[in-house]
């Protein structure tokens, strides 16, 4: 077999299968970057990885695809939701109602230009924003680099959007659904008004009456939750409900959540004051968060010691300088493989 013309490609497929096995226990961000680096080595590597993924899926080992928004809404109405919330499940819409919501979400209009952080500092400053006019309408909100935005939600709560963030807001009967598509959102949930706020991030649902909590998401598979006040209940597609109290945080990946761990109250949504405060956060998480603010698009490559804990305070506007400081401290390099984005990764070779 080794002398046949197809042997090199077969060897690559076998290597790709081994790689898939090796990265299954990695976080979703590390796994995706490792597989991306493999695919970029050559067209043959990319083809081999595609074949390996197909074989992996056939034996039921592949990571399941992220939930659709329709599935997310349906998940909120399952019995696990009722038991977690300690109240009856709201009357279901039925398949037609859920399908209609999904179509609205997928075809939602964009809101005209984001409001800068200097202008949108109070609720009154956002009076020009477009909100859903009737049940079933949905609105997409975006911010760019250097911009923050205040949004008053239909059921009385509010949220702040950080730089380079995007959310989708939809009204559904007696519920308001907010899908954090990208970036950071800080929610302030008011006392019960008869309408329920449901927050989607990654593959996770959050229910939080009369609370204040922050959400960060950088992919359709994961989300990071931090609670400033009150208690937040999180329900993932592949996990039991997780309750976070004030000054606690949890990371969800593919619908499965980590155990609650302490969070520094001053670090939660510090971006509202133009700061990034990291308190014993893993290096890989810090790099992904910094990539949200750098002037040039940045992606995170292979980081050998990504679990190293970082405690530091940076200005949002100085993300590029912060990246250089971390690169010097943790033997990282920033290189430019093409015109689209720079890459930060560990320097090859032994440590000095």
Protein backbone atom coordinates (compact mmCIF):
# COMPACT_ATOMS: atom_id res chain seq x y z
CA UNK A 1 0.00 0.00 0.00
CA UNK A 2 2.81 2.41 0.81
CA UNK A 3 4.04 2.30 -2.79
CA UNK A 4 0.66 3.08 -4.37
CA UNK A 5 -0.06 6.53 -5.84
CA UNK A 6 -2.79 7.17 -3.28
CA UNK A 7 -0.62 6.37 -0.28
CA UNK A 8 0.51 9.95 0.54
CA UNK A 9 -3.09 11.18 0.67
CA UNK A 10 -4.15 8.12 2.68
CA UNK A 11 -1.34 8.83 5.12
CA UNK A 12 -2.54 12.42 5.42
CA UNK A 13 -6.11 11.27 6.15
CA UNK A 14 -4.80 8.97 8.88
CA UNK A 15 -2.78 11.84 10.32
CA UNK A 16 -5.84 14.07 10.17
CA UNK A 17 -7.91 11.46 12.02
CA UNK A 18 -5.25 11.29 14.72
CA UNK A 19 -5.32 15.07 14.93
CA UNK A 20 -9.11 15.07 15.34
CA UNK A 21 -8.78 12.57 18.18
CA UNK A 22 -6.08 14.63 19.86
CA UNK A 23 -7.97 17.93 19.85
CA UNK A 24 -11.33 16.64 21.10
CA UNK A 25 -10.50 17.57 24.69
CA UNK A 26 -9.23 21.03 23.75
CA UNK A 27 -11.41 24.10 24.07
CA UNK A 28 -13.37 25.04 20.98
CA UNK A 29 -11.09 28.01 20.26
CA UNK A 30 -7.88 25.98 20.51
CA UNK A 31 -9.41 23.12 18.49
CA UNK A 32 -10.58 25.39 15.67
CA UNK A 33 -7.23 27.16 15.42
CA UNK A 34 -5.28 23.88 15.41
CA UNK A 35 -7.44 22.47 12.62
CA UNK A 36 -7.22 25.72 10.68
CA UNK A 37 -3.41 25.64 10.84
CA UNK A 38 -3.47 22.06 9.54
CA UNK A 39 -5.71 22.99 6.60
CA UNK A 40 -3.52 25.96 5.66
CA UNK A 41 -0.42 23.81 5.20
CA UNK A 42 -1.45 22.72 1.70
CA UNK A 43 -4.52 21.89 -0.41
CA UNK A 44 -3.78 18.22 0.24
CA UNK A 45 -3.94 18.80 3.99
CA UNK A 46 -7.26 20.61 3.66
CA UNK A 47 -8.68 17.77 1.52
CA UNK A 48 -7.40 15.15 3.95
CA UNK A 49 -8.97 16.94 6.90
CA UNK A 50 -12.31 17.11 5.08
CA UNK A 51 -12.17 13.35 4.42
CA UNK A 52 -11.18 12.71 8.04
CA UNK A 53 -14.11 14.81 9.28
CA UNK A 54 -16.48 12.76 7.09
CA UNK A 55 -15.12 9.47 8.47
CA UNK A 56 -15.18 10.86 12.00
CA UNK A 57 -18.84 11.80 11.60
CA UNK A 58 -19.76 8.37 10.28
CA UNK A 59 -18.64 6.77 13.53
CA UNK A 60 -20.52 9.34 15.59
CA UNK A 61 -17.44 11.05 17.02
CA UNK A 62 -17.67 14.45 15.36
CA UNK A 63 -18.59 17.55 17.32
CA UNK A 64 -22.29 18.23 16.73
CA UNK A 65 -23.18 21.30 14.69
CA UNK A 66 -24.30 24.39 16.60
CA UNK A 67 -27.99 24.75 17.35
CA UNK A 68 -30.13 26.75 14.97
CA UNK A 69 -32.10 29.64 16.43
CA UNK A 70 -35.24 27.59 15.95
CA UNK A 71 -33.74 24.83 18.10
CA UNK A 72 -32.65 27.37 20.70
CA UNK A 73 -36.18 28.69 21.11
CA UNK A 74 -37.57 25.15 21.25
CA UNK A 75 -35.00 24.29 23.94
CA UNK A 76 -36.33 27.10 26.12
CA UNK A 77 -39.73 25.43 26.22
CA UNK A 78 -38.58 21.99 27.33
CA UNK A 79 -39.33 20.66 30.79
CA UNK A 80 -35.74 21.26 31.91
CA UNK A 81 -36.45 24.97 31.58
CA UNK A 82 -39.53 24.74 33.81
CA UNK A 83 -37.75 22.77 36.52
CA UNK A 84 -34.80 25.15 36.46
CA UNK A 85 -37.00 28.23 36.74
CA UNK A 86 -39.43 26.75 39.29
CA UNK A 87 -42.44 27.99 37.35
CA UNK A 88 -44.72 26.47 34.66
CA UNK A 89 -43.62 26.35 31.05
CA UNK A 90 -45.33 29.11 29.02
CA UNK A 91 -47.88 27.91 26.52
CA UNK A 92 -46.04 26.64 23.44
CA UNK A 93 -46.31 28.33 20.10
CA UNK A 94 -46.27 25.10 18.17
CA UNK A 95 -44.02 24.33 15.23
CA UNK A 96 -45.54 26.97 12.93
CA UNK A 97 -44.94 29.74 15.44
CA UNK A 98 -41.34 28.67 16.04
CA UNK A 99 -40.70 28.39 12.33
CA UNK A 100 -42.10 31.87 11.79
CA UNK A 101 -39.75 33.26 14.44
CA UNK A 102 -36.78 31.51 12.85
CA UNK A 103 -37.60 33.03 9.46
CA UNK A 104 -37.91 36.49 11.01
CA UNK A 105 -34.57 36.13 12.80
CA UNK A 106 -32.80 35.02 9.65
CA UNK A 107 -34.26 37.86 7.59
CA UNK A 108 -34.09 40.62 10.21
CA UNK A 109 -33.28 44.17 9.10
CA UNK A 110 -30.21 46.07 10.22
CA UNK A 111 -30.37 49.12 12.43
CA UNK A 112 -28.89 52.24 10.89
CA UNK A 113 -25.36 53.08 12.11
CA UNK A 114 -24.13 52.40 15.65
CA UNK A 115 -24.16 55.14 18.28
CA UNK A 116 -20.75 56.06 19.69
CA UNK A 117 -19.92 55.52 23.36
CA UNK A 118 -19.72 59.29 23.88
CA UNK A 119 -23.21 59.92 22.50
CA UNK A 120 -25.05 56.85 23.81
CA UNK A 121 -24.19 57.39 27.46
CA UNK A 122 -27.81 57.65 28.62
CA UNK A 123 -31.10 55.98 27.63
CA UNK A 124 -32.35 59.27 26.16
CA UNK A 125 -29.40 59.38 23.76
CA UNK A 126 -30.64 56.26 21.96
CA UNK A 127 -34.11 57.62 21.16
CA UNK A 128 -33.41 57.36 17.44
CA UNK A 129 -32.87 53.60 17.44
CA UNK A 130 -35.35 51.30 15.71
CA UNK A 131 -37.16 48.82 17.95
CA UNK A 132 -39.51 45.95 17.03
CA UNK A 133 -42.89 47.43 16.13
CA UNK A 134 -44.97 44.33 16.76
CA UNK A 135 -44.68 40.76 18.02
CA UNK A 136 -42.40 38.74 15.79
CA UNK A 137 -40.32 41.64 14.42
CA UNK A 138 -36.58 41.39 14.96
CA UNK A 139 -33.82 43.99 14.90
CA UNK A 140 -30.08 43.55 14.54
CA UNK A 141 -27.77 45.95 16.42
CA UNK A 142 -24.06 46.35 15.64
CA UNK A 143 -21.18 48.41 17.00
CA UNK A 144 -17.81 49.07 15.40
CA UNK A 145 -14.35 49.61 16.84
CA UNK A 146 -14.39 52.33 19.47
CA UNK A 147 -18.19 52.35 19.75
CA UNK A 148 -20.56 51.32 22.53
CA UNK A 149 -24.34 51.41 22.49
CA UNK A 150 -27.20 51.49 24.96
CA UNK A 151 -30.35 49.54 24.00
CA UNK A 152 -33.67 49.72 25.84
CA UNK A 153 -35.37 46.33 25.55
CA UNK A 154 -39.13 46.03 25.01
CA UNK A 155 -39.88 44.30 28.33
CA UNK A 156 -38.19 47.01 30.40
CA UNK A 157 -34.64 45.68 30.71
CA UNK A 158 -31.62 47.21 29.02
CA UNK A 159 -28.23 46.25 27.64
CA UNK A 160 -24.98 47.87 26.67
CA UNK A 161 -23.07 46.69 23.63
CA UNK A 162 -19.29 46.82 23.66
CA UNK A 163 -16.93 47.48 20.74
CA UNK A 164 -17.30 45.22 17.68
CA UNK A 165 -20.42 43.50 19.00
CA UNK A 166 -23.67 42.32 17.48
CA UNK A 167 -27.01 41.22 18.93
CA UNK A 168 -30.41 40.30 17.56
CA UNK A 169 -33.56 41.35 19.46
CA UNK A 170 -36.95 39.70 18.81
CA UNK A 171 -40.32 39.79 20.56
CA UNK A 172 -42.21 36.51 20.91
CA UNK A 173 -45.60 36.60 22.63
CA UNK A 174 -44.79 37.21 26.31
CA UNK A 175 -41.01 36.88 25.81
CA UNK A 176 -38.19 39.04 24.50
CA UNK A 177 -35.28 37.10 22.98
CA UNK A 178 -31.80 38.59 22.68
CA UNK A 179 -29.22 36.59 20.72
CA UNK A 180 -25.62 37.67 21.40
CA UNK A 181 -24.12 36.88 18.01
CA UNK A 182 -20.67 38.36 18.65
CA UNK A 183 -18.78 40.31 21.27
CA UNK A 184 -19.88 41.67 24.65
CA UNK A 185 -23.23 42.63 26.13
CA UNK A 186 -24.03 43.84 29.64
CA UNK A 187 -27.63 43.17 30.68
CA UNK A 188 -29.53 45.00 33.42
CA UNK A 189 -32.74 43.03 33.97
CA UNK A 190 -35.54 44.96 35.65
CA UNK A 191 -38.09 43.61 38.09
CA UNK A 192 -40.75 41.36 36.57
CA UNK A 193 -43.07 43.17 34.14
CA UNK A 194 -45.05 40.13 33.03
CA UNK A 195 -42.72 39.56 30.08
CA UNK A 196 -39.70 37.29 30.24
CA UNK A 197 -36.22 38.05 28.91
CA UNK A 198 -34.41 35.10 27.31
CA UNK A 199 -30.75 35.59 26.35
CA UNK A 200 -29.06 33.31 23.81
CA UNK A 201 -25.27 33.02 23.50
CA UNK A 202 -23.39 30.20 21.83
CA UNK A 203 -25.61 27.19 22.46
CA UNK A 204 -26.77 28.40 25.86
CA UNK A 205 -29.91 30.08 27.20
CA UNK A 206 -29.83 32.51 30.13
CA UNK A 207 -32.76 33.44 32.36
CA UNK A 208 -32.14 36.20 34.89
CA UNK A 209 -34.95 38.10 36.64
CA UNK A 210 -33.79 41.32 38.33
CA UNK A 211 -30.07 40.81 37.74
CA UNK A 212 -27.06 42.36 36.07
CA UNK A 213 -24.77 40.09 34.09
CA UNK A 214 -22.29 40.21 31.20
CA UNK A 215 -22.00 37.87 28.21
CA UNK A 216 -19.07 37.44 25.86
CA UNK A 217 -19.18 35.25 22.74
CA UNK A 218 -16.68 34.96 19.89
CA UNK A 219 -18.14 31.94 18.04
CA UNK A 220 -21.50 30.16 17.55
CA UNK A 221 -20.33 27.39 19.91
CA UNK A 222 -19.22 29.19 23.05
CA UNK A 223 -20.12 31.88 25.56
CA UNK A 224 -18.65 33.31 28.76
CA UNK A 225 -21.02 34.54 31.51
CA UNK A 226 -20.22 36.78 34.49
CA UNK A 227 -22.77 37.91 37.11
CA UNK A 228 -22.56 41.30 38.87
CA UNK A 229 -25.85 41.16 40.79
CA UNK A 230 -28.54 38.57 41.47
CA UNK A 231 -28.66 35.00 40.16
CA UNK A 232 -28.54 33.83 36.54
CA UNK A 233 -29.71 30.38 35.44
CA UNK A 234 -27.97 28.98 32.36
CA UNK A 235 -29.27 26.07 30.29
CA UNK A 236 -27.07 24.44 27.67
CA UNK A 237 -28.06 21.89 25.06
CA UNK A 238 -25.72 19.30 26.59
CA UNK A 239 -25.71 20.21 30.27
CA UNK A 240 -27.80 20.44 33.40
CA UNK A 241 -28.87 23.95 34.41
CA UNK A 242 -26.10 26.02 36.01
CA UNK A 243 -26.91 28.76 38.49
CA UNK A 244 -24.46 31.65 38.81
CA UNK A 245 -24.64 33.96 41.81
CA UNK A 246 -23.12 37.43 42.09
CA UNK A 247 -19.34 37.51 41.53
CA UNK A 248 -19.38 34.14 39.74
CA UNK A 249 -18.58 33.19 36.17
CA UNK A 250 -18.81 30.14 33.89
CA UNK A 251 -17.71 29.20 30.39
CA UNK A 252 -20.00 27.24 28.07
CA UNK A 253 -18.74 25.28 25.05
CA UNK A 254 -21.00 23.34 22.69
CA UNK A 255 -23.81 23.66 25.23
CA UNK A 256 -21.81 22.20 28.14
CA UNK A 257 -20.91 24.49 31.02
CA UNK A 258 -18.00 24.65 33.38
CA UNK A 259 -18.50 24.71 37.13
CA UNK A 260 -19.08 28.21 38.54
CA UNK A 261 -15.87 29.91 39.64
CA UNK A 262 -15.21 33.23 41.40
CA UNK A 263 -15.19 36.42 39.34
CA UNK A 264 -13.68 39.72 40.37
CA UNK A 265 -16.60 42.21 40.55
CA UNK A 266 -14.43 45.06 39.24
CA UNK A 267 -13.47 43.03 36.16
CA UNK A 268 -17.04 42.27 35.09
CA UNK A 269 -17.87 44.48 32.10
CA UNK A 270 -14.98 46.80 32.94
CA UNK A 271 -15.07 47.67 29.24
CA UNK A 272 -17.95 50.03 30.07
CA UNK A 273 -15.25 52.26 31.61
CA UNK A 274 -12.75 51.67 28.82
CA UNK A 275 -10.77 49.04 30.72
CA UNK A 276 -9.95 45.36 30.43
CA UNK A 277 -9.29 43.83 33.83
CA UNK A 278 -8.07 40.22 33.94
CA UNK A 279 -7.95 38.42 37.27
CA UNK A 280 -6.24 35.03 36.96
CA UNK A 281 -7.73 34.49 33.50
CA UNK A 282 -6.13 31.82 31.23
CA UNK A 283 -3.76 33.34 28.67
CA UNK A 284 -5.72 31.85 25.75
CA UNK A 285 -8.90 33.64 26.93
CA UNK A 286 -7.01 36.92 27.35
CA UNK A 287 -5.62 36.70 23.81
CA UNK A 288 -9.04 36.03 22.33
CA UNK A 289 -10.47 38.98 24.23
CA UNK A 290 -7.66 41.30 23.12
CA UNK A 291 -8.27 40.22 19.52
CA UNK A 292 -11.66 41.86 19.87
CA UNK A 293 -10.02 45.30 20.24
CA UNK A 294 -6.81 45.34 18.16
CA UNK A 295 -6.64 47.85 15.33
CA UNK A 296 -5.74 45.17 12.79
CA UNK A 297 -7.85 41.98 12.61
CA UNK A 298 -6.16 39.31 14.73
CA UNK A 299 -6.67 35.60 15.17
CA UNK A 300 -5.15 33.30 17.77
CA UNK A 301 -2.99 30.42 16.58
CA UNK A 302 -1.36 27.66 18.60
CA UNK A 303 -0.47 28.81 22.11
CA UNK A 304 1.63 26.24 23.95
CA UNK A 305 0.99 27.52 27.46
CA UNK A 306 -2.48 28.91 26.91
CA UNK A 307 -3.52 27.91 30.43
CA UNK A 308 -1.05 30.29 32.10
CA UNK A 309 -2.97 32.67 34.36
CA UNK A 310 -2.89 36.39 33.63
CA UNK A 311 -3.65 39.22 36.04
CA UNK A 312 -3.42 42.64 34.40
CA UNK A 313 -5.31 45.82 33.55
CA UNK A 314 -5.27 47.34 30.07
CA UNK A 315 -7.00 50.22 28.30
CA UNK A 316 -9.31 49.16 25.47
CA UNK A 317 -7.67 51.69 23.17
CA UNK A 318 -4.22 50.22 23.95
CA UNK A 319 -5.00 46.63 22.98
CA UNK A 320 -2.11 46.53 20.51
CA UNK A 321 0.38 47.62 23.18
CA UNK A 322 -1.10 45.09 25.61
CA UNK A 323 -0.61 42.36 23.01
CA UNK A 324 3.07 43.29 22.64
CA UNK A 325 3.53 43.16 26.42
CA UNK A 326 2.02 39.68 26.61
CA UNK A 327 4.04 38.54 23.60
CA UNK A 328 7.25 39.54 25.38
CA UNK A 329 6.22 37.95 28.67
CA UNK A 330 4.89 34.64 27.28
CA UNK A 331 7.17 34.13 24.23
CA UNK A 332 4.55 34.86 21.62
CA UNK A 333 4.94 36.22 18.12
CA UNK A 334 2.61 38.18 15.87
CA UNK A 335 3.04 37.48 12.18
CA UNK A 336 1.17 38.33 8.99
CA UNK A 337 0.51 35.28 6.78
CA UNK A 338 -1.67 37.31 4.43
CA UNK A 339 -3.57 40.53 3.99
CA UNK A 340 -6.64 39.54 5.99
CA UNK A 341 -5.46 39.17 9.59
CA UNK A 342 -2.39 38.87 11.76
CA UNK A 343 -1.84 35.76 13.89
CA UNK A 344 -0.55 35.52 17.46
CA UNK A 345 1.03 32.21 18.43
CA UNK A 346 3.80 30.70 20.56
CA UNK A 347 7.35 31.09 19.31
CA UNK A 348 8.61 27.75 18.04
CA UNK A 349 11.56 26.18 19.74
CA UNK A 350 12.51 25.49 23.37
CA UNK A 351 12.08 28.06 26.09
CA UNK A 352 15.21 29.87 27.27
